[in-house]
Amino acid sequence: MKQLAGEASGITVRISDLISAIHDGAGNAETRLAEIAHAVASLDGAASAIQAAIGEQRRTAITIDDHARATASGADDIARRIAAVAKAVRSAEDLSEQVRASSAELLSSAQLLTGATGTFVTTLRAA
């Protein structure tokens, strides 16, 4: 009987030690789970910050695209205006050439008229 009581006492100590070890393991597991939950919350915060930064980058890219389109449109408008000015310059050059040609013809006519007037005056004086 003493032997059985001694074995029961040893088993009780062993069971008590196992329960204490299980309790310590559960406490460690609870601590580790809390650390994991904190790390997951930190990752969630970082993911939210990254998502916000991506949204801001997207808005910035859209703004840059809008400005690039406006600049390209403005450049196209300037190119059209320069083309119109170049066309006006060509027209002015053509008109200038026509005026020069007309002036040369007018000078030739004036010289002929001066000669004819001189002949007429000479003929009148001789008469």
N, C-alpha and C. Protein backbone atom coordinates (compact mmCIF):
# COMPACT_ATOMS: atom_id res chain seq x y z
N MET A 1 0.79 -1.15 0.00
CA MET A 1 0.00 0.00 0.00
C MET A 1 0.87 1.26 0.00
N LYS A 2 1.94 1.22 0.82
CA LYS A 2 2.83 2.34 0.85
C LYS A 2 3.46 2.58 -0.50
N GLN A 3 3.74 1.50 -1.12
CA GLN A 3 4.36 1.62 -2.43
C GLN A 3 3.38 2.24 -3.41
N LEU A 4 2.15 1.84 -3.36
CA LEU A 4 1.12 2.38 -4.25
C LEU A 4 0.87 3.86 -3.92
N ALA A 5 0.89 4.22 -2.67
CA ALA A 5 0.70 5.60 -2.26
C ALA A 5 1.89 6.44 -2.73
N GLY A 6 3.10 5.86 -2.66
CA GLY A 6 4.30 6.56 -3.12
C GLY A 6 4.25 6.79 -4.62
N GLU A 7 3.80 5.78 -5.34
CA GLU A 7 3.69 5.92 -6.80
C GLU A 7 2.62 6.96 -7.16
N ALA A 8 1.52 6.95 -6.44
CA ALA A 8 0.45 7.91 -6.69
C ALA A 8 0.95 9.32 -6.40
N SER A 9 1.73 9.47 -5.32
CA SER A 9 2.27 10.77 -4.98
C SER A 9 3.23 11.24 -6.08
N GLY A 10 4.07 10.34 -6.60
CA GLY A 10 5.01 10.68 -7.68
C GLY A 10 4.26 11.07 -8.95
N ILE A 11 3.18 10.31 -9.22
CA ILE A 11 2.40 10.61 -10.42
C ILE A 11 1.72 11.96 -10.26
N THR A 12 1.25 12.28 -9.07
CA THR A 12 0.59 13.55 -8.81
C THR A 12 1.58 14.70 -9.02
N VAL A 13 2.81 14.52 -8.55
CA VAL A 13 3.84 15.54 -8.74
C VAL A 13 4.13 15.70 -10.22
N ARG A 14 4.20 14.57 -10.88
CA ARG A 14 4.50 14.60 -12.33
C ARG A 14 3.36 15.29 -13.10
N ILE A 15 2.13 14.97 -12.74
CA ILE A 15 0.97 15.60 -13.38
C ILE A 15 0.98 17.09 -13.08
N SER A 16 1.28 17.46 -11.85
CA SER A 16 1.35 18.86 -11.45
C SER A 16 2.42 19.59 -12.26
N ASP A 17 3.58 18.92 -12.44
CA ASP A 17 4.65 19.51 -13.25
C ASP A 17 4.21 19.69 -14.71
N LEU A 18 3.50 18.67 -15.24
CA LEU A 18 3.00 18.75 -16.62
C LEU A 18 1.99 19.89 -16.76
N ILE A 19 1.09 20.01 -15.79
CA ILE A 19 0.09 21.08 -15.84
C ILE A 19 0.78 22.44 -15.77
N SER A 20 1.80 22.56 -14.90
CA SER A 20 2.55 23.81 -14.79
C SER A 20 3.26 24.13 -16.10
N ALA A 21 3.85 23.11 -16.74
CA ALA A 21 4.53 23.30 -18.02
C ALA A 21 3.54 23.71 -19.10
N ILE A 22 2.36 23.08 -19.10
CA ILE A 22 1.32 23.43 -20.07
C ILE A 22 0.87 24.87 -19.84
N HIS A 23 0.70 25.23 -18.55
CA HIS A 23 0.29 26.60 -18.23
C HIS A 23 1.34 27.61 -18.71
N ASP A 24 2.63 27.30 -18.45
CA ASP A 24 3.71 28.19 -18.91
C ASP A 24 3.73 28.28 -20.43
N GLY A 25 3.54 27.14 -21.11
CA GLY A 25 3.51 27.11 -22.58
C GLY A 25 2.34 27.91 -23.11
N ALA A 26 1.19 27.84 -22.45
CA ALA A 26 0.02 28.60 -22.88
C ALA A 26 0.28 30.10 -22.70
N GLY A 27 0.94 30.46 -21.61
CA GLY A 27 1.28 31.86 -21.38
C GLY A 27 2.24 32.37 -22.45
N ASN A 28 3.24 31.54 -22.78
CA ASN A 28 4.19 31.92 -23.84
C ASN A 28 3.47 32.04 -25.18
N ALA A 29 2.57 31.09 -25.45
CA ALA A 29 1.82 31.13 -26.71
C ALA A 29 0.96 32.38 -26.77
N GLU A 30 0.34 32.75 -25.65
CA GLU A 30 -0.50 33.95 -25.62
C GLU A 30 0.36 35.19 -25.87
N THR A 31 1.55 35.24 -25.29
CA THR A 31 2.47 36.37 -25.51
C THR A 31 2.88 36.45 -26.97
N ARG A 32 3.23 35.29 -27.53
CA ARG A 32 3.64 35.26 -28.94
C ARG A 32 2.49 35.67 -29.87
N LEU A 33 1.27 35.20 -29.56
CA LEU A 33 0.11 35.58 -30.38
C LEU A 33 -0.15 37.08 -30.29
N ALA A 34 0.05 37.68 -29.12
CA ALA A 34 -0.12 39.12 -28.97
C ALA A 34 0.94 39.85 -29.80
N GLU A 35 2.17 39.35 -29.80
CA GLU A 35 3.24 39.95 -30.60
C GLU A 35 2.92 39.84 -32.09
N ILE A 36 2.39 38.69 -32.50
CA ILE A 36 2.01 38.48 -33.90
C ILE A 36 0.87 39.44 -34.27
N ALA A 37 -0.11 39.58 -33.39
CA ALA A 37 -1.24 40.50 -33.65
C ALA A 37 -0.73 41.93 -33.79
N HIS A 38 0.23 42.32 -32.94
CA HIS A 38 0.82 43.65 -33.03
C HIS A 38 1.57 43.82 -34.36
N ALA A 39 2.32 42.80 -34.77
CA ALA A 39 3.05 42.86 -36.05
C ALA A 39 2.08 42.96 -37.22
N VAL A 40 0.98 42.20 -37.16
CA VAL A 40 -0.03 42.26 -38.23
C VAL A 40 -0.66 43.65 -38.29
N ALA A 41 -0.93 44.24 -37.12
CA ALA A 41 -1.49 45.59 -37.08
C ALA A 41 -0.50 46.60 -37.67
N SER A 42 0.79 46.43 -37.37
CA SER A 42 1.82 47.31 -37.94
C SER A 42 1.87 47.15 -39.45
N LEU A 43 1.80 45.92 -39.92
CA LEU A 43 1.80 45.67 -41.37
C LEU A 43 0.57 46.29 -42.02
N ASP A 44 -0.57 46.21 -41.34
CA ASP A 44 -1.79 46.81 -41.87
C ASP A 44 -1.62 48.32 -41.99
N GLY A 45 -1.01 48.92 -40.96
CA GLY A 45 -0.76 50.36 -41.01
C GLY A 45 0.17 50.72 -42.15
N ALA A 46 1.22 49.92 -42.33
CA ALA A 46 2.17 50.18 -43.43
C ALA A 46 1.47 50.00 -44.77
N ALA A 47 0.64 48.98 -44.89
CA ALA A 47 -0.09 48.74 -46.15
C ALA A 47 -1.03 49.91 -46.44
N SER A 48 -1.68 50.45 -45.42
CA SER A 48 -2.56 51.60 -45.61
C SER A 48 -1.77 52.82 -46.06
N ALA A 49 -0.58 53.01 -45.45
CA ALA A 49 0.27 54.14 -45.84
C ALA A 49 0.74 53.98 -47.29
N ILE A 50 1.10 52.78 -47.66
CA ILE A 50 1.53 52.51 -49.04
C ILE A 50 0.37 52.77 -50.00
N GLN A 51 -0.81 52.32 -49.64
CA GLN A 51 -1.99 52.53 -50.49
C GLN A 51 -2.27 54.02 -50.65
N ALA A 52 -2.15 54.78 -49.57
CA ALA A 52 -2.37 56.23 -49.65
C ALA A 52 -1.31 56.87 -50.54
N ALA A 53 -0.05 56.43 -50.41
CA ALA A 53 1.03 56.98 -51.24
C ALA A 53 0.81 56.65 -52.70
N ILE A 54 0.34 55.45 -52.98
CA ILE A 54 0.05 55.06 -54.37
C ILE A 54 -1.07 55.93 -54.93
N GLY A 55 -2.10 56.18 -54.11
CA GLY A 55 -3.18 57.06 -54.55
C GLY A 55 -2.68 58.46 -54.86
N GLU A 56 -1.80 58.97 -54.01
CA GLU A 56 -1.23 60.31 -54.24
C GLU A 56 -0.37 60.31 -55.50
N GLN A 57 0.41 59.26 -55.70
CA GLN A 57 1.22 59.16 -56.91
C GLN A 57 0.33 59.12 -58.15
N ARG A 58 -0.78 58.40 -58.07
CA ARG A 58 -1.72 58.31 -59.18
C ARG A 58 -2.29 59.70 -59.50
N ARG A 59 -2.69 60.43 -58.44
CA ARG A 59 -3.23 61.78 -58.66
C ARG A 59 -2.16 62.70 -59.25
N THR A 60 -0.94 62.57 -58.77
CA THR A 60 0.16 63.38 -59.31
C THR A 60 0.40 63.04 -60.78
N ALA A 61 0.38 61.75 -61.12
CA ALA A 61 0.58 61.34 -62.51
C ALA A 61 -0.53 61.89 -63.41
N ILE A 62 -1.75 61.88 -62.91
CA ILE A 62 -2.88 62.41 -63.69
C ILE A 62 -2.70 63.92 -63.89
N THR A 63 -2.27 64.61 -62.83
CA THR A 63 -2.03 66.06 -62.95
C THR A 63 -0.93 66.35 -63.96
N ILE A 64 0.15 65.57 -63.90
CA ILE A 64 1.26 65.75 -64.85
C ILE A 64 0.77 65.48 -66.27
N ASP A 65 -0.03 64.44 -66.44
CA ASP A 65 -0.57 64.11 -67.76
C ASP A 65 -1.45 65.25 -68.28
N ASP A 66 -2.30 65.80 -67.40
CA ASP A 66 -3.16 66.92 -67.80
C ASP A 66 -2.32 68.12 -68.23
N HIS A 67 -1.27 68.41 -67.45
CA HIS A 67 -0.41 69.55 -67.80
C HIS A 67 0.35 69.28 -69.11
N ALA A 68 0.78 68.05 -69.30
CA ALA A 68 1.48 67.71 -70.54
C ALA A 68 0.55 67.87 -71.74
N ARG A 69 -0.69 67.43 -71.58
CA ARG A 69 -1.66 67.58 -72.67
C ARG A 69 -1.92 69.06 -72.96
N ALA A 70 -2.08 69.86 -71.90
CA ALA A 70 -2.32 71.29 -72.09
C ALA A 70 -1.12 71.95 -72.76
N THR A 71 0.08 71.56 -72.36
CA THR A 71 1.29 72.11 -72.95
C THR A 71 1.38 71.73 -74.43
N ALA A 72 1.07 70.47 -74.73
CA ALA A 72 1.10 70.02 -76.13
C ALA A 72 0.06 70.78 -76.95
N SER A 73 -1.12 70.99 -76.36
CA SER A 73 -2.15 71.74 -77.07
C SER A 73 -1.70 73.18 -77.31
N GLY A 74 -1.08 73.78 -76.28
CA GLY A 74 -0.56 75.14 -76.43
C GLY A 74 0.52 75.20 -77.50
N ALA A 75 1.38 74.18 -77.52
CA ALA A 75 2.44 74.14 -78.54
C ALA A 75 1.83 74.01 -79.93
N ASP A 76 0.79 73.20 -80.05
CA ASP A 76 0.10 73.07 -81.35
C ASP A 76 -0.50 74.42 -81.78
N ASP A 77 -1.10 75.13 -80.82
CA ASP A 77 -1.68 76.43 -81.12
C ASP A 77 -0.60 77.41 -81.56
N ILE A 78 0.54 77.41 -80.88
CA ILE A 78 1.65 78.28 -81.26
C ILE A 78 2.15 77.92 -82.66
N ALA A 79 2.25 76.63 -82.94
CA ALA A 79 2.69 76.19 -84.27
C ALA A 79 1.73 76.68 -85.35
N ARG A 80 0.41 76.61 -85.07
CA ARG A 80 -0.58 77.10 -86.05
C ARG A 80 -0.42 78.61 -86.26
N ARG A 81 -0.19 79.33 -85.18
CA ARG A 81 -0.03 80.78 -85.29
C ARG A 81 1.25 81.14 -86.06
N ILE A 82 2.31 80.40 -85.80
CA ILE A 82 3.57 80.64 -86.53
C ILE A 82 3.37 80.34 -88.01
N ALA A 83 2.63 79.28 -88.32
CA ALA A 83 2.35 78.95 -89.72
C ALA A 83 1.54 80.07 -90.38
N ALA A 84 0.58 80.63 -89.64
CA ALA A 84 -0.22 81.74 -90.18
C ALA A 84 0.65 82.97 -90.42
N VAL A 85 1.57 83.24 -89.48
CA VAL A 85 2.48 84.38 -89.66
C VAL A 85 3.38 84.14 -90.87
N ALA A 86 3.89 82.92 -91.01
CA ALA A 86 4.75 82.59 -92.16
C ALA A 86 3.98 82.76 -93.46
N LYS A 87 2.71 82.37 -93.46
CA LYS A 87 1.88 82.53 -94.66
C LYS A 87 1.69 84.02 -94.98
N ALA A 88 1.47 84.82 -93.93
CA ALA A 88 1.29 86.26 -94.12
C ALA A 88 2.58 86.89 -94.65
N VAL A 89 3.73 86.41 -94.17
CA VAL A 89 5.01 86.92 -94.65
C VAL A 89 5.20 86.58 -96.12
N ARG A 90 4.85 85.35 -96.49
CA ARG A 90 4.94 84.95 -97.91
C ARG A 90 4.03 85.82 -98.78
N SER A 91 2.82 86.09 -98.28
CA SER A 91 1.88 86.95 -99.03
C SER A 91 2.46 88.36 -99.17
N ALA A 92 3.06 88.86 -98.08
CA ALA A 92 3.67 90.19 -98.12
C ALA A 92 4.83 90.21 -99.11
N GLU A 93 5.61 89.14 -99.13
CA GLU A 93 6.71 89.06 -100.10
C GLU A 93 6.17 89.07 -101.53
N ASP A 94 5.10 88.30 -101.77
CA ASP A 94 4.49 88.26 -103.11
C ASP A 94 3.97 89.65 -103.50
N LEU A 95 3.27 90.30 -102.55
CA LEU A 95 2.75 91.65 -102.84
C LEU A 95 3.90 92.63 -103.07
N SER A 96 4.95 92.51 -102.30
CA SER A 96 6.11 93.38 -102.48
C SER A 96 6.72 93.19 -103.86
N GLU A 97 6.80 91.95 -104.31
CA GLU A 97 7.33 91.66 -105.65
C GLU A 97 6.41 92.27 -106.72
N GLN A 98 5.10 92.16 -106.51
CA GLN A 98 4.17 92.75 -107.46
C GLN A 98 4.30 94.28 -107.49
N VAL A 99 4.46 94.91 -106.30
CA VAL A 99 4.64 96.35 -106.23
C VAL A 99 5.93 96.75 -106.95
N ARG A 100 7.01 95.99 -106.72
CA ARG A 100 8.28 96.28 -107.39
C ARG A 100 8.13 96.19 -108.90
N ALA A 101 7.46 95.13 -109.37
CA ALA A 101 7.25 94.96 -110.82
C ALA A 101 6.39 96.10 -111.36
N SER A 102 5.33 96.47 -110.62
CA SER A 102 4.46 97.57 -111.07
C SER A 102 5.23 98.89 -111.08
N SER A 103 6.09 99.10 -110.10
CA SER A 103 6.91 100.32 -110.05
C SER A 103 7.84 100.38 -111.24
N ALA A 104 8.42 99.24 -111.60
CA ALA A 104 9.32 99.20 -112.76
C ALA A 104 8.54 99.53 -114.03
N GLU A 105 7.33 98.97 -114.15
CA GLU A 105 6.50 99.26 -115.32
C GLU A 105 6.09 100.73 -115.34
N LEU A 106 5.75 101.26 -114.13
CA LEU A 106 5.36 102.66 -114.03
C LEU A 106 6.53 103.58 -114.39
N LEU A 107 7.74 103.24 -113.96
CA LEU A 107 8.93 104.02 -114.30
C LEU A 107 9.15 104.00 -115.81
N SER A 108 8.99 102.82 -116.39
CA SER A 108 9.16 102.70 -117.85
C SER A 108 8.11 103.55 -118.57
N SER A 109 6.85 103.49 -118.08
CA SER A 109 5.78 104.30 -118.69
C SER A 109 6.07 105.79 -118.50
N ALA A 110 6.57 106.17 -117.33
CA ALA A 110 6.88 107.58 -117.07
C ALA A 110 7.99 108.06 -117.99
N GLN A 111 8.99 107.21 -118.22
CA GLN A 111 10.08 107.58 -119.11
C GLN A 111 9.57 107.74 -120.54
N LEU A 112 8.69 106.82 -120.97
CA LEU A 112 8.10 106.93 -122.30
C LEU A 112 7.26 108.20 -122.42
N LEU A 113 6.49 108.46 -121.35
CA LEU A 113 5.64 109.65 -121.34
C LEU A 113 6.50 110.92 -121.36
N THR A 114 7.60 110.93 -120.63
CA THR A 114 8.51 112.09 -120.63
C THR A 114 9.07 112.31 -122.03
N GLY A 115 9.48 111.20 -122.66
CA GLY A 115 10.00 111.30 -124.03
C GLY A 115 8.95 111.80 -125.00
N ALA A 116 7.74 111.28 -124.89
CA ALA A 116 6.65 111.69 -125.78
C ALA A 116 6.29 113.14 -125.53
N THR A 117 6.30 113.56 -124.25
CA THR A 117 6.00 114.95 -123.92
C THR A 117 7.07 115.86 -124.52
N GLY A 118 8.31 115.44 -124.40
CA GLY A 118 9.40 116.24 -124.97
C GLY A 118 9.25 116.38 -126.48
N THR A 119 8.92 115.31 -127.16
CA THR A 119 8.71 115.34 -128.60
C THR A 119 7.54 116.24 -128.95
N PHE A 120 6.46 116.14 -128.17
CA PHE A 120 5.27 116.96 -128.41
C PHE A 120 5.60 118.45 -128.24
N VAL A 121 6.35 118.77 -127.17
CA VAL A 121 6.70 120.16 -126.91
C VAL A 121 7.61 120.66 -128.05
N THR A 122 8.53 119.84 -128.45
CA THR A 122 9.44 120.22 -129.54
C THR A 122 8.64 120.43 -130.80
N THR A 123 7.69 119.59 -131.07
CA THR A 123 6.87 119.70 -132.29
C THR A 123 6.04 120.98 -132.20
N LEU A 124 5.51 121.30 -131.06
CA LEU A 124 4.71 122.51 -130.89
C LEU A 124 5.57 123.76 -131.07
N ARG A 125 6.77 123.74 -130.61
CA ARG A 125 7.64 124.91 -130.72
C ARG A 125 8.08 125.10 -132.17
N ALA A 126 8.23 124.00 -132.83
CA ALA A 126 8.64 124.10 -134.22
C ALA A 126 7.49 124.57 -135.10
N ALA A 127 6.34 124.43 -134.69
CA ALA A 127 5.21 124.77 -135.53
C ALA A 127 4.86 126.19 -135.49
